[in-house]
C-alpha atoms as a PDB file:
ATOM      1  CA  MET A   1     -54.430  -2.739 -55.297  1.00  0.00           C
ATOM      2  CA  LEU A   2     -57.416  -2.449 -57.630  1.00  0.00           C
ATOM      3  CA  ASN A   3     -56.751  -2.406 -61.371  1.00  0.00           C
ATOM      4  CA  ARG A   4     -58.266   1.062 -61.790  1.00  0.00           C
ATOM      5  CA  PRO A   5     -57.450   4.641 -60.774  1.00  0.00           C
ATOM      6  CA  SER A   6     -57.637   5.108 -57.008  1.00  0.00           C
ATOM      7  CA  ARG A   7     -60.872   6.677 -55.720  1.00  0.00           C
ATOM      8  CA  THR A   8     -59.145   7.871 -52.578  1.00  0.00           C
ATOM      9  CA  ALA A   9     -56.520   9.591 -54.737  1.00  0.00           C
ATOM     10  CA  GLU A  10     -59.396  11.435 -56.437  1.00  0.00           C
ATOM     11  CA  HIS A  11     -60.733  12.515 -53.042  1.00  0.00           C
ATOM     12  CA  VAL A  12     -57.352  13.897 -51.980  1.00  0.00           C
ATOM     13  CA  ALA A  13     -57.109  15.767 -55.285  1.00  0.00           C
ATOM     14  CA  LEU A  14     -60.534  17.276 -54.562  1.00  0.00           C
ATOM     15  CA  PHE A  15     -59.426  18.409 -51.101  1.00  0.00           C
ATOM     16  CA  ARG A  16     -56.306  20.028 -52.576  1.00  0.00           C
ATOM     17  CA  ALA A  17     -58.335  21.698 -55.308  1.00  0.00           C
ATOM     18  CA  LEU A  18     -60.752  23.127 -52.737  1.00  0.00           C
ATOM     19  CA  GLU A  19     -57.851  24.490 -50.700  1.00  0.00           C
ATOM     20  CA  SER A  20     -56.483  26.100 -53.854  1.00  0.00           C
ATOM     21  CA  VAL A  21     -59.667  28.070 -54.630  1.00  0.00           C
ATOM     22  CA  ARG A  22     -60.382  29.302 -51.098  1.00  0.00           C
ATOM     23  CA  SER A  23     -60.981  33.042 -50.863  1.00  0.00           C
ATOM     24  CA  GLY A  24     -59.505  33.184 -47.361  1.00  0.00           C
ATOM     25  CA  PRO A  25     -56.070  32.130 -46.070  1.00  0.00           C
ATOM     26  CA  GLN A  26     -54.660  29.162 -48.019  1.00  0.00           C
ATOM     27  CA  LEU A  27     -52.006  26.660 -47.028  1.00  0.00           C
ATOM     28  CA  PHE A  28     -50.894  26.153 -50.638  1.00  0.00           C
ATOM     29  CA  VAL A  29     -52.067  26.448 -54.228  1.00  0.00           C
ATOM     30  CA  ASP A  30     -52.118  23.308 -56.349  1.00  0.00           C
ATOM     31  CA  PRO A  31     -53.019  24.367 -59.911  1.00  0.00           C
ATOM     32  CA  TYR A  32     -52.933  20.753 -61.136  1.00  0.00           C
ATOM     33  CA  ALA A  33     -55.327  19.086 -58.687  1.00  0.00           C
ATOM     34  CA  GLU A  34     -58.430  19.962 -60.715  1.00  0.00           C
ATOM     35  CA  ALA A  35     -57.121  18.060 -63.745  1.00  0.00           C
ATOM     36  CA  PHE A  36     -57.355  14.762 -61.863  1.00  0.00           C
ATOM     37  CA  LEU A  37     -61.012  15.163 -60.887  1.00  0.00           C
ATOM     38  CA  PRO A  38     -64.057  13.506 -62.439  1.00  0.00           C
ATOM     39  CA  ALA A  39     -66.566  15.857 -64.074  1.00  0.00           C
ATOM     40  CA  ARG A  40     -68.840  16.201 -61.025  1.00  0.00           C
ATOM     41  CA  TYR A  41     -65.940  17.394 -58.866  1.00  0.00           C
ATOM     42  CA  ARG A  42     -64.574  19.699 -61.554  1.00  0.00           C
ATOM     43  CA  ALA A  43     -67.974  21.376 -61.680  1.00  0.00           C
ATOM     44  CA  ILE A  44     -67.713  22.139 -57.960  1.00  0.00           C
ATOM     45  CA  ILE A  45     -64.291  23.730 -58.410  1.00  0.00           C
ATOM     46  CA  HIS A  46     -65.517  25.723 -61.409  1.00  0.00           C
ATOM     47  CA  VAL A  47     -68.425  27.174 -59.430  1.00  0.00           C
ATOM     48  CA  SER A  48     -66.111  27.833 -56.483  1.00  0.00           C
ATOM     49  CA  ARG A  49     -64.126  30.228 -58.680  1.00  0.00           C
ATOM     50  CA  LEU A  50     -67.116  32.474 -59.450  1.00  0.00           C
ATOM     51  CA  PRO A  51     -66.619  35.810 -57.672  1.00  0.00           C
ATOM     52  CA  ALA A  52     -70.177  36.242 -56.417  1.00  0.00           C
ATOM     53  CA  ILE A  53     -70.930  32.800 -55.035  1.00  0.00           C
ATOM     54  CA  GLY A  54     -67.605  30.959 -55.094  1.00  0.00           C
ATOM     55  CA  PRO A  55     -66.573  31.553 -51.468  1.00  0.00           C
ATOM     56  CA  VAL A  56     -69.994  30.416 -50.210  1.00  0.00           C
ATOM     57  CA  VAL A  57     -69.878  27.292 -52.387  1.00  0.00           C
ATOM     58  CA  THR A  58     -66.368  26.403 -51.228  1.00  0.00           C
ATOM     59  CA  ARG A  59     -67.188  26.775 -47.541  1.00  0.00           C
ATOM     60  CA  SER A  60     -70.447  24.851 -47.997  1.00  0.00           C
ATOM     61  CA  VAL A  61     -68.721  21.948 -49.727  1.00  0.00           C
ATOM     62  CA  GLU A  62     -66.003  21.863 -47.061  1.00  0.00           C
ATOM     63  CA  TRP A  63     -68.666  21.932 -44.338  1.00  0.00           C
ATOM     64  CA  TYR A  64     -70.532  19.042 -45.999  1.00  0.00           C
ATOM     65  CA  ILE A  65     -67.373  16.935 -46.341  1.00  0.00           C
ATOM     66  CA  ASP A  66     -66.362  17.586 -42.733  1.00  0.00           C
ATOM     67  CA  ARG A  67     -69.847  16.674 -41.497  1.00  0.00           C
ATOM     68  CA  ARG A  68     -70.032  13.513 -43.588  1.00  0.00           C
ATOM     69  CA  TRP A  69     -66.601  12.269 -42.491  1.00  0.00           C
ATOM     70  CA  SER A  70     -66.380  13.638 -38.984  1.00  0.00           C
ATOM     71  CA  ALA A  71     -62.792  12.459 -38.400  1.00  0.00           C
ATOM     72  CA  GLY A  72     -61.497  15.109 -40.791  1.00  0.00           C
ATOM     73  CA  PRO A  73     -59.999  13.543 -43.926  1.00  0.00           C
ATOM     74  CA  ARG A  74     -60.146  16.868 -45.781  1.00  0.00           C
ATOM     75  CA  ALA A  75     -58.236  18.898 -43.203  1.00  0.00           C
ATOM     76  CA  SER A  76     -55.885  15.964 -42.686  1.00  0.00           C
ATOM     77  CA  ALA A  77     -55.077  15.911 -46.407  1.00  0.00           C
ATOM     78  CA  VAL A  78     -54.380  19.624 -46.719  1.00  0.00           C
ATOM     79  CA  VAL A  79     -52.282  19.987 -43.569  1.00  0.00           C
ATOM     80  CA  ARG A  80     -50.217  16.928 -44.399  1.00  0.00           C
ATOM     81  CA  THR A  81     -49.675  18.368 -47.884  1.00  0.00           C
ATOM     82  CA  LYS A  82     -48.391  21.599 -46.369  1.00  0.00           C
ATOM     83  CA  LEU A  83     -46.151  19.853 -43.846  1.00  0.00           C
ATOM     84  CA  ILE A  84     -44.660  17.535 -46.454  1.00  0.00           C
ATOM     85  CA  ASP A  85     -44.097  20.468 -48.815  1.00  0.00           C
ATOM     86  CA  ASP A  86     -42.137  22.205 -46.067  1.00  0.00           C
ATOM     87  CA  LEU A  87     -40.154  19.075 -45.165  1.00  0.00           C
ATOM     88  CA  VAL A  88     -39.264  18.451 -48.811  1.00  0.00           C
ATOM     89  CA  ALA A  89     -38.134  22.054 -49.287  1.00  0.00           C
ATOM     90  CA  ALA A  90     -35.990  21.894 -46.134  1.00  0.00           C
ATOM     91  CA  THR A  91     -34.407  18.604 -47.186  1.00  0.00           C
ATOM     92  CA  VAL A  92     -33.566  19.953 -50.643  1.00  0.00           C
ATOM     93  CA  ALA A  93     -32.056  23.061 -49.041  1.00  0.00           C
ATOM     94  CA  ALA A  94     -29.935  20.734 -46.888  1.00  0.00           C
ATOM     95  CA  GLY A  95     -28.504  19.011 -49.983  1.00  0.00           C
ATOM     96  CA  ALA A  96     -30.893  16.390 -51.376  1.00  0.00           C
ATOM     97  CA  GLN A  97     -30.045  15.764 -55.034  1.00  0.00           C
ATOM     98  CA  GLN A  98     -33.059  13.799 -56.230  1.00  0.00           C
ATOM     99  CA  VAL A  99     -36.670  13.132 -55.236  1.00  0.00           C
ATOM    100  CA  LEU A 100     -38.661   9.914 -55.095  1.00  0.00           C
ATOM    101  CA  LEU A 101     -42.467  10.150 -54.905  1.00  0.00           C
ATOM    102  CA  LEU A 102     -43.427   6.648 -53.846  1.00  0.00           C
ATOM    103  CA  GLY A 103     -47.034   5.744 -54.514  1.00  0.00           C
ATOM    104  CA  ALA A 104     -47.391   9.233 -55.946  1.00  0.00           C
ATOM    105  CA  GLY A 105     -51.116   9.189 -56.696  1.00  0.00           C
ATOM    106  CA  TYR A 106     -52.117  12.612 -57.965  1.00  0.00           C
ATOM    107  CA  ASP A 107     -49.211  14.391 -56.278  1.00  0.00           C
ATOM    108  CA  SER A 108     -48.077  17.400 -58.319  1.00  0.00           C
ATOM    109  CA  ARG A 109     -45.020  18.457 -56.301  1.00  0.00           C
ATOM    110  CA  ALA A 110     -42.703  17.798 -59.232  1.00  0.00           C
ATOM    111  CA  LEU A 111     -44.504  20.550 -61.143  1.00  0.00           C
ATOM    112  CA  ARG A 112     -45.590  23.011 -58.462  1.00  0.00           C
ATOM    113  CA  LEU A 113     -42.684  23.187 -55.981  1.00  0.00           C
ATOM    114  CA  PRO A 114     -39.996  25.575 -57.241  1.00  0.00           C
ATOM    115  CA  GLU A 115     -37.398  23.771 -55.091  1.00  0.00           C
ATOM    116  CA  LEU A 116     -37.734  20.724 -57.352  1.00  0.00           C
ATOM    117  CA  ALA A 117     -37.442  22.487 -60.695  1.00  0.00           C
ATOM    118  CA  ASP A 118     -33.776  21.529 -61.205  1.00  0.00           C
ATOM    119  CA  LEU A 119     -33.801  18.101 -59.551  1.00  0.00           C
ATOM    120  CA  PRO A 120     -34.665  14.728 -61.068  1.00  0.00           C
ATOM    121  CA  VAL A 121     -38.003  13.530 -59.684  1.00  0.00           C
ATOM    122  CA  TYR A 122     -39.035   9.875 -59.912  1.00  0.00           C
ATOM    123  CA  GLU A 123     -42.710   8.999 -59.510  1.00  0.00           C
ATOM    124  CA  VAL A 124     -43.428   5.398 -58.570  1.00  0.00           C
ATOM    125  CA  ASP A 125     -47.033   4.224 -58.561  1.00  0.00           C
ATOM    126  CA  HIS A 126     -49.451   1.468 -59.461  1.00  0.00           C
ATOM    127  CA  PRO A 127     -49.694   1.320 -63.271  1.00  0.00           C
ATOM    128  CA  ALA A 128     -53.463   2.040 -63.376  1.00  0.00           C
ATOM    129  CA  THR A 129     -53.286   5.177 -61.253  1.00  0.00           C
ATOM    130  CA  GLN A 130     -50.147   6.383 -63.012  1.00  0.00           C
ATOM    131  CA  ALA A 131     -51.663   5.888 -66.468  1.00  0.00           C
ATOM    132  CA  ALA A 132     -54.736   7.908 -65.465  1.00  0.00           C
ATOM    133  CA  LYS A 133     -52.515  10.637 -64.074  1.00  0.00           C
ATOM    134  CA  ARG A 134     -50.410  10.912 -67.226  1.00  0.00           C
ATOM    135  CA  ARG A 135     -53.544  11.201 -69.373  1.00  0.00           C
ATOM    136  CA  ALA A 136     -54.907  13.965 -67.159  1.00  0.00           C
ATOM    137  CA  LEU A 137     -51.779  16.078 -66.682  1.00  0.00           C
ATOM    138  CA  PRO A 138     -52.002  19.278 -68.736  1.00  0.00           C
ATOM    139  CA  THR A 139     -48.211  19.528 -68.796  1.00  0.00           C
ATOM    140  CA  THR A 140     -45.076  17.749 -67.633  1.00  0.00           C
ATOM    141  CA  SER A 141     -41.374  18.521 -67.318  1.00  0.00           C
ATOM    142  CA  ALA A 142     -38.088  17.034 -68.463  1.00  0.00           C
ATOM    143  CA  ASN A 143     -36.998  16.287 -64.902  1.00  0.00           C
ATOM    144  CA  LEU A 144     -40.083  14.162 -64.126  1.00  0.00           C
ATOM    145  CA  HIS A 145     -39.662  10.402 -64.637  1.00  0.00           C
ATOM    146  CA  PHE A 146     -42.561   7.946 -64.308  1.00  0.00           C
ATOM    147  CA  VAL A 147     -41.831   4.456 -62.955  1.00  0.00           C
ATOM    148  CA  PRO A 148     -44.875   2.112 -62.951  1.00  0.00           C
ATOM    149  CA  VAL A 149     -44.731  -0.637 -60.292  1.00  0.00           C
ATOM    150  CA  ASP A 150     -47.119  -2.598 -58.074  1.00  0.00           C
ATOM    151  CA  LEU A 151     -45.378  -2.741 -54.685  1.00  0.00           C
ATOM    152  CA  GLU A 152     -47.345  -5.811 -53.632  1.00  0.00           C
ATOM    153  CA  VAL A 153     -45.858  -8.011 -56.340  1.00  0.00           C
ATOM    154  CA  GLU A 154     -42.866  -6.244 -57.929  1.00  0.00           C
ATOM    155  CA  ASP A 155     -39.377  -5.430 -56.679  1.00  0.00           C
ATOM    156  CA  LEU A 156     -38.984  -1.721 -55.902  1.00  0.00           C
ATOM    157  CA  GLY A 157     -35.194  -1.645 -56.165  1.00  0.00           C
ATOM    158  CA  GLU A 158     -35.237  -3.194 -59.614  1.00  0.00           C
ATOM    159  CA  ALA A 159     -37.932  -0.744 -60.733  1.00  0.00           C
ATOM    160  CA  LEU A 160     -35.925   2.245 -59.460  1.00  0.00           C
ATOM    161  CA  ARG A 161     -32.804   1.108 -61.260  1.00  0.00           C
ATOM    162  CA  ARG A 162     -34.826   0.529 -64.417  1.00  0.00           C
ATOM    163  CA  GLY A 163     -36.225   4.036 -64.068  1.00  0.00           C
ATOM    164  CA  GLY A 164     -32.738   5.567 -63.862  1.00  0.00           C
ATOM    165  CA  MET A 165     -32.639   6.672 -60.219  1.00  0.00           C
ATOM    166  CA  ARG A 166     -29.098   7.047 -58.871  1.00  0.00           C
ATOM    167  CA  ARG A 167     -28.069   5.078 -55.765  1.00  0.00           C
ATOM    168  CA  ASP A 168     -25.261   7.499 -54.895  1.00  0.00           C
ATOM    169  CA  ARG A 169     -27.337  10.680 -54.603  1.00  0.00           C
ATOM    170  CA  ALA A 170     -28.867  11.982 -51.385  1.00  0.00           C
ATOM    171  CA  THR A 171     -32.604  11.541 -51.830  1.00  0.00           C
ATOM    172  CA  VAL A 172     -35.814  12.786 -50.288  1.00  0.00           C
ATOM    173  CA  VAL A 173     -38.631  10.246 -50.471  1.00  0.00           C
ATOM    174  CA  VAL A 174     -42.317  11.094 -50.101  1.00  0.00           C
ATOM    175  CA  TRP A 175     -44.504   8.096 -49.307  1.00  0.00           C
ATOM    176  CA  GLU A 176     -47.824   9.841 -48.709  1.00  0.00           C
ATOM    177  CA  GLY A 177     -51.166   8.130 -48.172  1.00  0.00           C
ATOM    178  CA  VAL A 178     -49.898   4.645 -49.009  1.00  0.00           C
ATOM    179  CA  THR A 179     -48.757   2.484 -46.068  1.00  0.00           C
ATOM    180  CA  ASN A 180     -52.278   2.021 -44.686  1.00  0.00           C
ATOM    181  CA  TYR A 181     -53.316   0.278 -47.930  1.00  0.00           C
ATOM    182  CA  LEU A 182     -50.456  -2.252 -47.940  1.00  0.00           C
ATOM    183  CA  THR A 183     -49.626  -5.395 -45.990  1.00  0.00           C
ATOM    184  CA  ALA A 184     -47.051  -5.570 -43.207  1.00  0.00           C
ATOM    185  CA  PRO A 185     -44.640  -7.595 -45.404  1.00  0.00           C
ATOM    186  CA  ALA A 186     -44.984  -5.071 -48.251  1.00  0.00           C
ATOM    187  CA  VAL A 187     -44.211  -2.143 -45.923  1.00  0.00           C
ATOM    188  CA  ASP A 188     -41.261  -4.022 -44.428  1.00  0.00           C
ATOM    189  CA  THR A 189     -39.873  -4.918 -47.854  1.00  0.00           C
ATOM    190  CA  THR A 190     -40.195  -1.328 -49.046  1.00  0.00           C
ATOM    191  CA  MET A 191     -38.521   0.139 -45.960  1.00  0.00           C
ATOM    192  CA  ARG A 192     -35.610  -2.310 -46.192  1.00  0.00           C
ATOM    193  CA  CYS A 193     -35.273  -1.649 -49.906  1.00  0.00           C
ATOM    194  CA  LEU A 194     -35.097   2.114 -49.354  1.00  0.00           C
ATOM    195  CA  ALA A 195     -32.445   1.673 -46.665  1.00  0.00           C
ATOM    196  CA  THR A 196     -30.415  -0.395 -49.170  1.00  0.00           C
ATOM    197  CA  GLU A 197     -30.976   1.690 -52.292  1.00  0.00           C
ATOM    198  CA  LEU A 198     -30.468   5.142 -50.747  1.00  0.00           C
ATOM    199  CA  PRO A 199     -27.230   6.607 -49.362  1.00  0.00           C
ATOM    200  CA  ALA A 200     -26.892   7.618 -45.717  1.00  0.00           C
ATOM    201  CA  GLY A 201     -28.510  10.942 -44.923  1.00  0.00           C
ATOM    202  CA  SER A 202     -31.412  10.416 -47.308  1.00  0.00           C
ATOM    203  CA  ARG A 203     -34.797  11.151 -45.785  1.00  0.00           C
ATOM    204  CA  ILE A 204     -38.117   9.357 -46.061  1.00  0.00           C
ATOM    205  CA  ILE A 205     -41.341  11.208 -45.269  1.00  0.00           C
ATOM    206  CA  PHE A 206     -44.344   8.926 -44.895  1.00  0.00           C
ATOM    207  CA  THR A 207     -47.861   8.849 -43.503  1.00  0.00           C
ATOM    208  CA  TYR A 208     -49.517   6.099 -41.527  1.00  0.00           C
ATOM    209  CA  VAL A 209     -52.534   5.177 -39.428  1.00  0.00           C
ATOM    210  CA  ASP A 210     -52.173   4.542 -35.708  1.00  0.00           C
ATOM    211  CA  ARG A 211     -52.555   0.788 -35.278  1.00  0.00           C
ATOM    212  CA  ALA A 212     -54.496   1.319 -32.057  1.00  0.00           C
ATOM    213  CA  ALA A 213     -57.364   2.784 -34.081  1.00  0.00           C
ATOM    214  CA  MET A 214     -57.417  -0.239 -36.366  1.00  0.00           C
ATOM    215  CA  ASP A 215     -57.379  -2.646 -33.410  1.00  0.00           C
ATOM    216  CA  ASP A 216     -60.199  -0.795 -31.602  1.00  0.00           C
ATOM    217  CA  ASN A 217     -62.248   1.389 -33.947  1.00  0.00           C
ATOM    218  CA  SER A 218     -64.087   3.001 -31.037  1.00  0.00           C
ATOM    219  CA  ARG A 219     -60.913   4.424 -29.531  1.00  0.00           C
ATOM    220  CA  PHE A 220     -60.750   7.472 -31.833  1.00  0.00           C
ATOM    221  CA  ALA A 221     -63.821   9.525 -32.672  1.00  0.00           C
ATOM    222  CA  GLY A 222     -64.732   9.406 -36.344  1.00  0.00           C
ATOM    223  CA  TYR A 223     -62.356   6.598 -37.268  1.00  0.00           C
ATOM    224  CA  GLU A 224     -65.021   4.077 -38.228  1.00  0.00           C
ATOM    225  CA  ARG A 225     -66.961   6.552 -40.393  1.00  0.00           C
ATOM    226  CA  TRP A 226     -63.839   7.533 -42.334  1.00  0.00           C
ATOM    227  CA  HIS A 227     -62.681   3.939 -42.719  1.00  0.00           C
ATOM    228  CA  ALA A 228     -66.143   2.830 -43.819  1.00  0.00           C
ATOM    229  CA  SER A 229     -66.045   5.390 -46.641  1.00  0.00           C
ATOM    230  CA  VAL A 230     -62.753   4.126 -48.086  1.00  0.00           C
ATOM    231  CA  ARG A 231     -63.721   0.512 -47.460  1.00  0.00           C
ATOM    232  CA  GLY A 232     -66.898   1.182 -49.433  1.00  0.00           C
ATOM    233  CA  VAL A 233     -64.883   1.972 -52.574  1.00  0.00           C
ATOM    234  CA  GLY A 234     -62.721  -1.125 -52.131  1.00  0.00           C
ATOM    235  CA  GLU A 235     -59.740   0.650 -50.553  1.00  0.00           C
ATOM    236  CA  GLY A 236     -59.968  -0.333 -46.904  1.00  0.00           C
ATOM    237  CA  TRP A 237     -57.046   0.152 -44.551  1.00  0.00           C
ATOM    238  CA  THR A 238     -54.897  -2.909 -43.935  1.00  0.00           C
ATOM    239  CA  PHE A 239     -51.825  -1.726 -42.010  1.00  0.00           C
ATOM    240  CA  GLY A 240     -50.785   0.659 -39.254  1.00  0.00           C
ATOM    241  CA  PHE A 241     -47.916   1.398 -36.876  1.00  0.00           C
ATOM    242  CA  HIS A 242     -48.048   1.858 -33.124  1.00  0.00           C
ATOM    243  CA  PRO A 243     -46.326   5.253 -32.678  1.00  0.00           C
ATOM    244  CA  ALA A 244     -44.451   4.079 -29.574  1.00  0.00           C
ATOM    245  CA  GLU A 245     -42.956   1.177 -31.538  1.00  0.00           C
ATOM    246  CA  LEU A 246     -41.978   3.170 -34.629  1.00  0.00           C
ATOM    247  CA  PRO A 247     -38.461   4.284 -33.485  1.00  0.00           C
ATOM    248  CA  ASN A 248     -37.344   0.692 -32.872  1.00  0.00           C
ATOM    249  CA  TYR A 249     -39.004  -0.521 -36.082  1.00  0.00           C
ATOM    250  CA  LEU A 250     -37.025   2.021 -38.074  1.00  0.00           C
ATOM    251  CA  ALA A 251     -33.781   1.426 -36.169  1.00  0.00           C
ATOM    252  CA  GLU A 252     -33.957  -2.260 -37.122  1.00  0.00           C
ATOM    253  CA  ARG A 253     -34.013  -1.109 -40.743  1.00  0.00           C
ATOM    254  CA  ARG A 254     -31.045   1.303 -40.438  1.00  0.00           C
ATOM    255  CA  MET A 255     -33.135   4.438 -40.035  1.00  0.00           C
ATOM    256  CA  ARG A 256     -33.544   7.101 -37.368  1.00  0.00           C
ATOM    257  CA  LEU A 257     -36.891   8.704 -36.604  1.00  0.00           C
ATOM    258  CA  ILE A 258     -36.725  12.492 -36.924  1.00  0.00           C
ATOM    259  CA  GLU A 259     -40.359  13.551 -36.535  1.00  0.00           C
ATOM    260  CA  ASP A 260     -43.702  11.881 -35.875  1.00  0.00           C
ATOM    261  CA  VAL A 261     -46.819  14.024 -35.502  1.00  0.00           C
ATOM    262  CA  SER A 262     -50.570  13.570 -35.791  1.00  0.00           C
ATOM    263  CA  ALA A 263     -52.707  15.381 -38.334  1.00  0.00           C
ATOM    264  CA  ARG A 264     -54.335  17.119 -35.372  1.00  0.00           C
ATOM    265  CA  ASP A 265     -50.934  18.438 -34.250  1.00  0.00           C
ATOM    266  CA  VAL A 266     -50.207  19.676 -37.775  1.00  0.00           C
ATOM    267  CA  ALA A 267     -53.609  21.359 -38.007  1.00  0.00           C
ATOM    268  CA  GLU A 268     -52.824  23.257 -34.831  1.00  0.00           C
ATOM    269  CA  ARG A 269     -49.477  24.267 -36.325  1.00  0.00           C
ATOM    270  CA  TYR A 270     -50.812  25.546 -39.637  1.00  0.00           C
ATOM    271  CA  LEU A 271     -54.565  26.201 -39.361  1.00  0.00           C
ATOM    272  CA  THR A 272     -54.914  27.690 -35.888  1.00  0.00           C
ATOM    273  CA  PRO A 273     -52.696  30.740 -36.664  1.00  0.00           C
ATOM    274  CA  LEU A 274     -55.013  31.401 -39.633  1.00  0.00           C
ATOM    275  CA  HIS A 275     -58.061  31.252 -37.335  1.00  0.00           C
ATOM    276  CA  ARG A 276     -59.240  28.165 -39.155  1.00  0.00           C
ATOM    277  CA  HIS A 277     -60.741  25.533 -36.904  1.00  0.00           C
ATOM    278  CA  GLU A 278     -61.236  22.410 -38.993  1.00  0.00           C
ATOM    279  CA  PRO A 279     -61.305  18.819 -37.682  1.00  0.00           C
ATOM    280  CA  ALA A 280     -58.189  16.702 -38.168  1.00  0.00           C
ATOM    281  CA  PRO A 281     -57.663  13.295 -36.546  1.00  0.00           C
ATOM    282  CA  GLU A 282     -55.147  12.141 -33.990  1.00  0.00           C
ATOM    283  CA  PHE A 283     -54.918   8.650 -35.519  1.00  0.00           C
ATOM    284  CA  TYR A 284     -53.586   9.819 -38.901  1.00  0.00           C
ATOM    285  CA  ARG A 285     -49.879  10.615 -38.657  1.00  0.00           C
ATOM    286  CA  ILE A 286     -46.929  12.009 -40.609  1.00  0.00           C
ATOM    287  CA  ALA A 287     -43.386  10.829 -39.899  1.00  0.00           C
ATOM    288  CA  ALA A 288     -39.906  11.604 -41.208  1.00  0.00           C
ATOM    289  CA  THR A 289     -36.909   9.299 -40.915  1.00  0.00           C
ATOM    290  CA  GLN A 290     -33.272   9.410 -41.989  1.00  0.00           C
ATOM    291  CA  VAL A 291     -31.246   6.588 -43.518  1.00  0.00           C
ATOM    292  CA  LEU A 292     -28.180   5.760 -41.417  1.00  0.00           C
END
């Protein structure tokens, strides 16, 4: 990881902020996303709120982003946000007693999801990104606990215990937008640690890139353009799963796969009923697993 705030985390915050100021059907409203943006992006969101021209500006910016990165990182980010929101809410309703946001970036679920208002939420992230987030947040809450850790070099279990997370409480983990920036050993170590630190029944929701796209960048339309953009800011993708191999991978780590869908599938689930036809890739995926 780079010793600075993540540029890709800024991009995802921009996509969430744009979704939040849309004049048409919205998947969610994230009132905190704007706080994490650099000045040039905040200016876009400000103009997008103006009654006369805001809707045109928002649609134009979305169109430009979707044309520049044809694989659909914007739509992928907003539909995965919506799906994960729904999965977290369902898991809390089923009895989860605490929340772990692993590699949280500029995630604001601890503040914006009413289901989490009475639960302890632990945010684990690289110290540079977490420090930038804490400076930018306009508010916080007593149930939100920040745990700085670099997963490439530090022990996650030790960091969680230091941060006060309970090992005996059913937990929902969100590991969003992270695995594709790690190494295979780091992902393996983290998965095994979670299976050890969390009680049976806990759920882990994570995103990943289809390894087939990384092995052959011509296999999925738009993959190379999207990857080139993140590689250009020093945050190239380094790891992916083969979807067909994921159930066995998880089983070897005392987990059971519950759901595994592509961003394209999720876009059809959430955007199509709203008559929104925005590109989302097949190679970017969201999975949920349960600790056995």
